[in-house]
Amino acid sequence: MTSTTKSTADLDRGHARALATRLRAVPTLAWIAAAVGGFIGSIPLGLMMQYGNPEPLIALALPMMYGLSGPDLLAGWTIHQFHGVALAVMYVAAVQWEPLTERAKTLRGAAVLAVIVGVVSTALLSVLLMPLWLGAVGYPFTPPFPDLTMPEKLWSVLGHVIYALPVTIGYALVMRR
């Protein structure tokens, strides 16, 4: 049993080293393009959140998630933009997974991946994480868990796809060179 455990651990270390090597090989400009795309894509998503929802998501929910009093529109937008950049960096890391690497370098693949990012980020963030986090901080408009409220979730998917397009396309354009 020890030899199986040891070989599994060695295999895991080998995968971790291979991923680290792939991440180091990503050009700096690709990381920057995705981060800038995340910042740009967060703007229309944030506007959709600010003006398309009856609850004060940007001004109150986001500051409360980080222990800030609100409403505070500037703090909310700062947090929202940070989230957009952080998710874009995670996208670059995620597409280093071999089945996605080549697809992420094409415009068609970037468009498909933007839709996937939109659906997955809505499912993980809007449907699962946000209701738990907002409930934990006492947000007065906490949605149910899981939050499958329609048509709001379709609106969220659309917003997250719009967010993801500059991220995925920016990365693809840099990596095509």
C-alpha atoms as a PDB file:
ATOM      1  CA  MET A   1       0.000   0.000   0.000  1.00  0.00           C
ATOM      2  CA  THR A   2       2.845   2.381   0.721  1.00  0.00           C
ATOM      3  CA  SER A   3       4.214   1.984  -2.795  1.00  0.00           C
ATOM      4  CA  THR A   4       0.805   2.866  -4.311  1.00  0.00           C
ATOM      5  CA  THR A   5       0.508   5.913  -2.077  1.00  0.00           C
ATOM      6  CA  LYS A   6       4.049   6.957  -2.881  1.00  0.00           C
ATOM      7  CA  SER A   7       3.536   6.539  -6.611  1.00  0.00           C
ATOM      8  CA  THR A   8       0.285   8.524  -6.475  1.00  0.00           C
ATOM      9  CA  ALA A   9       2.038  11.305  -4.587  1.00  0.00           C
ATOM     10  CA  ASP A  10       4.874  11.272  -7.123  1.00  0.00           C
ATOM     11  CA  LEU A  11       2.333  11.409  -9.957  1.00  0.00           C
ATOM     12  CA  ASP A  12       0.576  14.372  -8.308  1.00  0.00           C
ATOM     13  CA  ARG A  13       3.916  16.171  -7.905  1.00  0.00           C
ATOM     14  CA  GLY A  14       4.689  15.519 -11.549  1.00  0.00           C
ATOM     15  CA  HIS A  15       1.343  16.997 -12.632  1.00  0.00           C
ATOM     16  CA  ALA A  16       1.897  20.001 -10.385  1.00  0.00           C
ATOM     17  CA  ARG A  17       5.358  20.556 -11.885  1.00  0.00           C
ATOM     18  CA  ALA A  18       3.992  20.239 -15.420  1.00  0.00           C
ATOM     19  CA  LEU A  19       1.242  22.771 -14.674  1.00  0.00           C
ATOM     20  CA  ALA A  20       3.756  25.160 -13.095  1.00  0.00           C
ATOM     21  CA  THR A  21       5.917  24.863 -16.207  1.00  0.00           C
ATOM     22  CA  ARG A  22       2.911  25.601 -18.466  1.00  0.00           C
ATOM     23  CA  LEU A  23       1.918  28.604 -16.336  1.00  0.00           C
ATOM     24  CA  ARG A  24       5.456  30.035 -16.479  1.00  0.00           C
ATOM     25  CA  ALA A  25       5.412  29.610 -20.264  1.00  0.00           C
ATOM     26  CA  VAL A  26       2.363  31.865 -20.691  1.00  0.00           C
ATOM     27  CA  PRO A  27       3.613  35.178 -22.075  1.00  0.00           C
ATOM     28  CA  THR A  28       3.272  38.146 -19.735  1.00  0.00           C
ATOM     29  CA  LEU A  29       1.272  39.956 -22.419  1.00  0.00           C
ATOM     30  CA  ALA A  30      -1.351  37.168 -22.341  1.00  0.00           C
ATOM     31  CA  TRP A  31      -1.831  37.596 -18.576  1.00  0.00           C
ATOM     32  CA  ILE A  32      -2.089  41.363 -19.058  1.00  0.00           C
ATOM     33  CA  ALA A  33      -4.530  41.057 -21.980  1.00  0.00           C
ATOM     34  CA  ALA A  34      -6.822  38.801 -19.946  1.00  0.00           C
ATOM     35  CA  ALA A  35      -6.605  41.056 -16.872  1.00  0.00           C
ATOM     36  CA  VAL A  36      -7.398  44.163 -18.935  1.00  0.00           C
ATOM     37  CA  GLY A  37     -10.215  42.215 -20.598  1.00  0.00           C
ATOM     38  CA  GLY A  38     -11.514  41.292 -17.149  1.00  0.00           C
ATOM     39  CA  PHE A  39     -11.489  44.929 -16.086  1.00  0.00           C
ATOM     40  CA  ILE A  40     -13.257  46.024 -19.292  1.00  0.00           C
ATOM     41  CA  GLY A  41     -15.756  43.152 -19.234  1.00  0.00           C
ATOM     42  CA  SER A  42     -16.641  43.890 -15.622  1.00  0.00           C
ATOM     43  CA  ILE A  43     -17.983  47.314 -16.580  1.00  0.00           C
ATOM     44  CA  PRO A  44     -21.079  46.182 -18.548  1.00  0.00           C
ATOM     45  CA  LEU A  45     -21.666  43.344 -16.071  1.00  0.00           C
ATOM     46  CA  GLY A  46     -21.510  45.835 -13.203  1.00  0.00           C
ATOM     47  CA  LEU A  47     -23.905  48.187 -14.972  1.00  0.00           C
ATOM     48  CA  MET A  48     -26.290  45.291 -15.478  1.00  0.00           C
ATOM     49  CA  MET A  49     -25.996  44.470 -11.766  1.00  0.00           C
ATOM     50  CA  GLN A  50     -26.426  48.094 -10.698  1.00  0.00           C
ATOM     51  CA  TYR A  51     -29.362  49.006 -12.927  1.00  0.00           C
ATOM     52  CA  GLY A  52     -30.920  45.630 -13.742  1.00  0.00           C
ATOM     53  CA  ASN A  53     -31.482  44.377 -10.201  1.00  0.00           C
ATOM     54  CA  PRO A  54     -33.859  45.865  -7.672  1.00  0.00           C
ATOM     55  CA  GLU A  55     -31.389  45.051  -4.850  1.00  0.00           C
ATOM     56  CA  PRO A  56     -28.325  47.273  -4.307  1.00  0.00           C
ATOM     57  CA  LEU A  57     -25.795  44.612  -5.294  1.00  0.00           C
ATOM     58  CA  ILE A  58     -22.912  46.885  -6.239  1.00  0.00           C
ATOM     59  CA  ALA A  59     -23.465  49.568  -3.592  1.00  0.00           C
ATOM     60  CA  LEU A  60     -24.375  47.370  -0.618  1.00  0.00           C
ATOM     61  CA  ALA A  61     -23.885  43.629  -1.196  1.00  0.00           C
ATOM     62  CA  LEU A  62     -20.273  43.763  -2.396  1.00  0.00           C
ATOM     63  CA  PRO A  63     -19.045  46.099   0.369  1.00  0.00           C
ATOM     64  CA  MET A  64     -20.840  43.993   3.003  1.00  0.00           C
ATOM     65  CA  MET A  65     -19.129  40.848   1.674  1.00  0.00           C
ATOM     66  CA  TYR A  66     -15.810  42.385   2.722  1.00  0.00           C
ATOM     67  CA  GLY A  67     -16.961  43.789   6.054  1.00  0.00           C
ATOM     68  CA  LEU A  68     -17.456  47.355   4.830  1.00  0.00           C
ATOM     69  CA  SER A  69     -20.467  49.419   5.747  1.00  0.00           C
ATOM     70  CA  GLY A  70     -22.643  50.611   2.957  1.00  0.00           C
ATOM     71  CA  PRO A  71     -24.086  51.616   0.790  1.00  0.00           C
ATOM     72  CA  ASP A  72     -20.795  52.616  -0.778  1.00  0.00           C
ATOM     73  CA  LEU A  73     -20.912  52.686  -4.559  1.00  0.00           C
ATOM     74  CA  LEU A  74     -17.190  53.406  -5.001  1.00  0.00           C
ATOM     75  CA  ALA A  75     -16.165  50.515  -2.745  1.00  0.00           C
ATOM     76  CA  GLY A  76     -18.652  48.231  -4.500  1.00  0.00           C
ATOM     77  CA  TRP A  77     -17.306  49.106  -7.933  1.00  0.00           C
ATOM     78  CA  THR A  78     -13.707  48.709  -6.756  1.00  0.00           C
ATOM     79  CA  ILE A  79     -14.477  45.237  -5.403  1.00  0.00           C
ATOM     80  CA  HIS A  80     -16.415  44.317  -8.534  1.00  0.00           C
ATOM     81  CA  GLN A  81     -13.541  45.372 -10.816  1.00  0.00           C
ATOM     82  CA  PHE A  82     -11.053  43.465  -8.662  1.00  0.00           C
ATOM     83  CA  HIS A  83     -13.238  40.354  -8.977  1.00  0.00           C
ATOM     84  CA  GLY A  84     -13.262  40.784 -12.754  1.00  0.00           C
ATOM     85  CA  VAL A  85      -9.473  40.941 -12.967  1.00  0.00           C
ATOM     86  CA  ALA A  86      -9.020  38.026 -10.537  1.00  0.00           C
ATOM     87  CA  LEU A  87     -11.416  35.817 -12.503  1.00  0.00           C
ATOM     88  CA  ALA A  88      -9.609  36.706 -15.729  1.00  0.00           C
ATOM     89  CA  VAL A  89      -6.291  35.578 -14.246  1.00  0.00           C
ATOM     90  CA  MET A  90      -7.988  32.328 -13.164  1.00  0.00           C
ATOM     91  CA  TYR A  91      -9.206  31.890 -16.745  1.00  0.00           C
ATOM     92  CA  VAL A  92      -5.634  32.067 -18.056  1.00  0.00           C
ATOM     93  CA  ALA A  93      -4.568  29.450 -15.529  1.00  0.00           C
ATOM     94  CA  ALA A  94      -7.568  27.233 -16.359  1.00  0.00           C
ATOM     95  CA  VAL A  95      -6.927  27.202 -20.093  1.00  0.00           C
ATOM     96  CA  GLN A  96      -3.476  25.792 -19.502  1.00  0.00           C
ATOM     97  CA  TRP A  97      -5.306  22.483 -19.016  1.00  0.00           C
ATOM     98  CA  GLU A  98      -4.364  20.605 -22.176  1.00  0.00           C
ATOM     99  CA  PRO A  99      -7.884  19.975 -23.569  1.00  0.00           C
ATOM    100  CA  LEU A 100      -8.496  23.753 -23.561  1.00  0.00           C
ATOM    101  CA  THR A 101      -5.093  25.165 -24.435  1.00  0.00           C
ATOM    102  CA  GLU A 102      -5.361  25.136 -28.231  1.00  0.00           C
ATOM    103  CA  ARG A 103      -9.069  26.046 -28.311  1.00  0.00           C
ATOM    104  CA  ALA A 104      -8.398  29.118 -26.167  1.00  0.00           C
ATOM    105  CA  LYS A 105      -6.037  30.441 -28.848  1.00  0.00           C
ATOM    106  CA  THR A 106      -8.708  30.674 -31.577  1.00  0.00           C
ATOM    107  CA  LEU A 107     -11.452  33.273 -31.875  1.00  0.00           C
ATOM    108  CA  ARG A 108     -14.110  30.586 -32.269  1.00  0.00           C
ATOM    109  CA  GLY A 109     -12.757  28.774 -29.218  1.00  0.00           C
ATOM    110  CA  ALA A 110     -12.638  32.066 -27.296  1.00  0.00           C
ATOM    111  CA  ALA A 111     -16.309  32.710 -28.071  1.00  0.00           C
ATOM    112  CA  VAL A 112     -17.304  29.206 -26.971  1.00  0.00           C
ATOM    113  CA  LEU A 113     -15.196  29.516 -23.832  1.00  0.00           C
ATOM    114  CA  ALA A 114     -16.832  32.881 -23.040  1.00  0.00           C
ATOM    115  CA  VAL A 115     -20.221  31.152 -23.006  1.00  0.00           C
ATOM    116  CA  ILE A 116     -18.831  28.367 -20.812  1.00  0.00           C
ATOM    117  CA  VAL A 117     -17.260  30.936 -18.457  1.00  0.00           C
ATOM    118  CA  GLY A 118     -20.594  32.774 -18.323  1.00  0.00           C
ATOM    119  CA  VAL A 119     -22.550  29.656 -17.409  1.00  0.00           C
ATOM    120  CA  VAL A 120     -19.975  28.294 -14.942  1.00  0.00           C
ATOM    121  CA  SER A 121     -19.358  31.624 -13.194  1.00  0.00           C
ATOM    122  CA  THR A 122     -23.102  32.179 -12.823  1.00  0.00           C
ATOM    123  CA  ALA A 123     -23.555  28.682 -11.409  1.00  0.00           C
ATOM    124  CA  LEU A 124     -20.640  28.910  -8.981  1.00  0.00           C
ATOM    125  CA  LEU A 125     -20.807  32.564  -7.994  1.00  0.00           C
ATOM    126  CA  SER A 126     -24.373  33.759  -8.421  1.00  0.00           C
ATOM    127  CA  VAL A 127     -26.280  30.547  -7.723  1.00  0.00           C
ATOM    128  CA  LEU A 128     -24.102  28.983  -4.997  1.00  0.00           C
ATOM    129  CA  LEU A 129     -21.504  31.307  -3.437  1.00  0.00           C
ATOM    130  CA  MET A 130     -23.322  34.649  -3.279  1.00  0.00           C
ATOM    131  CA  PRO A 131     -26.389  33.431  -1.319  1.00  0.00           C
ATOM    132  CA  LEU A 132     -24.148  31.757   1.267  1.00  0.00           C
ATOM    133  CA  TRP A 133     -21.737  34.672   1.593  1.00  0.00           C
ATOM    134  CA  LEU A 134     -24.486  37.311   1.669  1.00  0.00           C
ATOM    135  CA  GLY A 135     -26.402  35.329   4.266  1.00  0.00           C
ATOM    136  CA  ALA A 136     -23.265  35.037   6.394  1.00  0.00           C
ATOM    137  CA  VAL A 137     -22.724  38.823   6.420  1.00  0.00           C
ATOM    138  CA  GLY A 138     -26.390  39.677   7.059  1.00  0.00           C
ATOM    139  CA  TYR A 139     -27.219  41.257   3.699  1.00  0.00           C
ATOM    140  CA  PRO A 140     -30.893  42.285   3.991  1.00  0.00           C
ATOM    141  CA  PHE A 141     -31.832  41.011   0.513  1.00  0.00           C
ATOM    142  CA  THR A 142     -30.099  37.626   0.710  1.00  0.00           C
ATOM    143  CA  PRO A 143     -31.492  35.333  -1.985  1.00  0.00           C
ATOM    144  CA  PRO A 144     -32.438  31.730  -1.269  1.00  0.00           C
ATOM    145  CA  PHE A 145     -29.836  28.985  -1.528  1.00  0.00           C
ATOM    146  CA  PRO A 146     -29.337  27.863  -4.204  1.00  0.00           C
ATOM    147  CA  ASP A 147     -30.467  30.997  -5.985  1.00  0.00           C
ATOM    148  CA  LEU A 148     -32.255  29.755  -9.092  1.00  0.00           C
ATOM    149  CA  THR A 149     -34.565  32.760  -9.389  1.00  0.00           C
ATOM    150  CA  MET A 150     -35.705  33.244 -12.977  1.00  0.00           C
ATOM    151  CA  PRO A 151     -35.342  35.278 -15.140  1.00  0.00           C
ATOM    152  CA  GLU A 152     -32.595  36.836 -12.998  1.00  0.00           C
ATOM    153  CA  LYS A 153     -30.244  33.885 -13.484  1.00  0.00           C
ATOM    154  CA  LEU A 154     -30.603  34.112 -17.270  1.00  0.00           C
ATOM    155  CA  TRP A 155     -29.746  37.820 -16.943  1.00  0.00           C
ATOM    156  CA  SER A 156     -26.727  36.790 -14.870  1.00  0.00           C
ATOM    157  CA  VAL A 157     -25.573  34.286 -17.493  1.00  0.00           C
ATOM    158  CA  LEU A 158     -25.856  36.956 -20.186  1.00  0.00           C
ATOM    159  CA  GLY A 159     -23.910  39.435 -18.055  1.00  0.00           C
ATOM    160  CA  HIS A 160     -21.180  36.916 -17.301  1.00  0.00           C
ATOM    161  CA  VAL A 161     -20.873  35.980 -20.997  1.00  0.00           C
ATOM    162  CA  ILE A 162     -20.553  39.677 -21.870  1.00  0.00           C
ATOM    163  CA  TYR A 163     -17.927  39.962 -19.123  1.00  0.00           C
ATOM    164  CA  ALA A 164     -15.987  36.941 -20.422  1.00  0.00           C
ATOM    165  CA  LEU A 165     -15.798  37.965 -24.092  1.00  0.00           C
ATOM    166  CA  PRO A 166     -13.013  40.568 -23.671  1.00  0.00           C
ATOM    167  CA  VAL A 167     -11.130  38.145 -21.411  1.00  0.00           C
ATOM    168  CA  THR A 168     -11.234  35.175 -23.760  1.00  0.00           C
ATOM    169  CA  ILE A 169     -10.800  37.167 -26.962  1.00  0.00           C
ATOM    170  CA  GLY A 170      -7.953  39.266 -25.542  1.00  0.00           C
ATOM    171  CA  TYR A 171      -6.142  36.114 -24.477  1.00  0.00           C
ATOM    172  CA  ALA A 172      -6.755  34.457 -27.858  1.00  0.00           C
ATOM    173  CA  LEU A 173      -5.484  37.436 -29.831  1.00  0.00           C
ATOM    174  CA  VAL A 174      -2.233  37.545 -27.872  1.00  0.00           C
ATOM    175  CA  MET A 175      -1.703  33.784 -28.011  1.00  0.00           C
ATOM    176  CA  ARG A 176      -2.343  33.599 -31.784  1.00  0.00           C
ATOM    177  CA  ARG A 177       0.797  35.608 -32.549  1.00  0.00           C
END
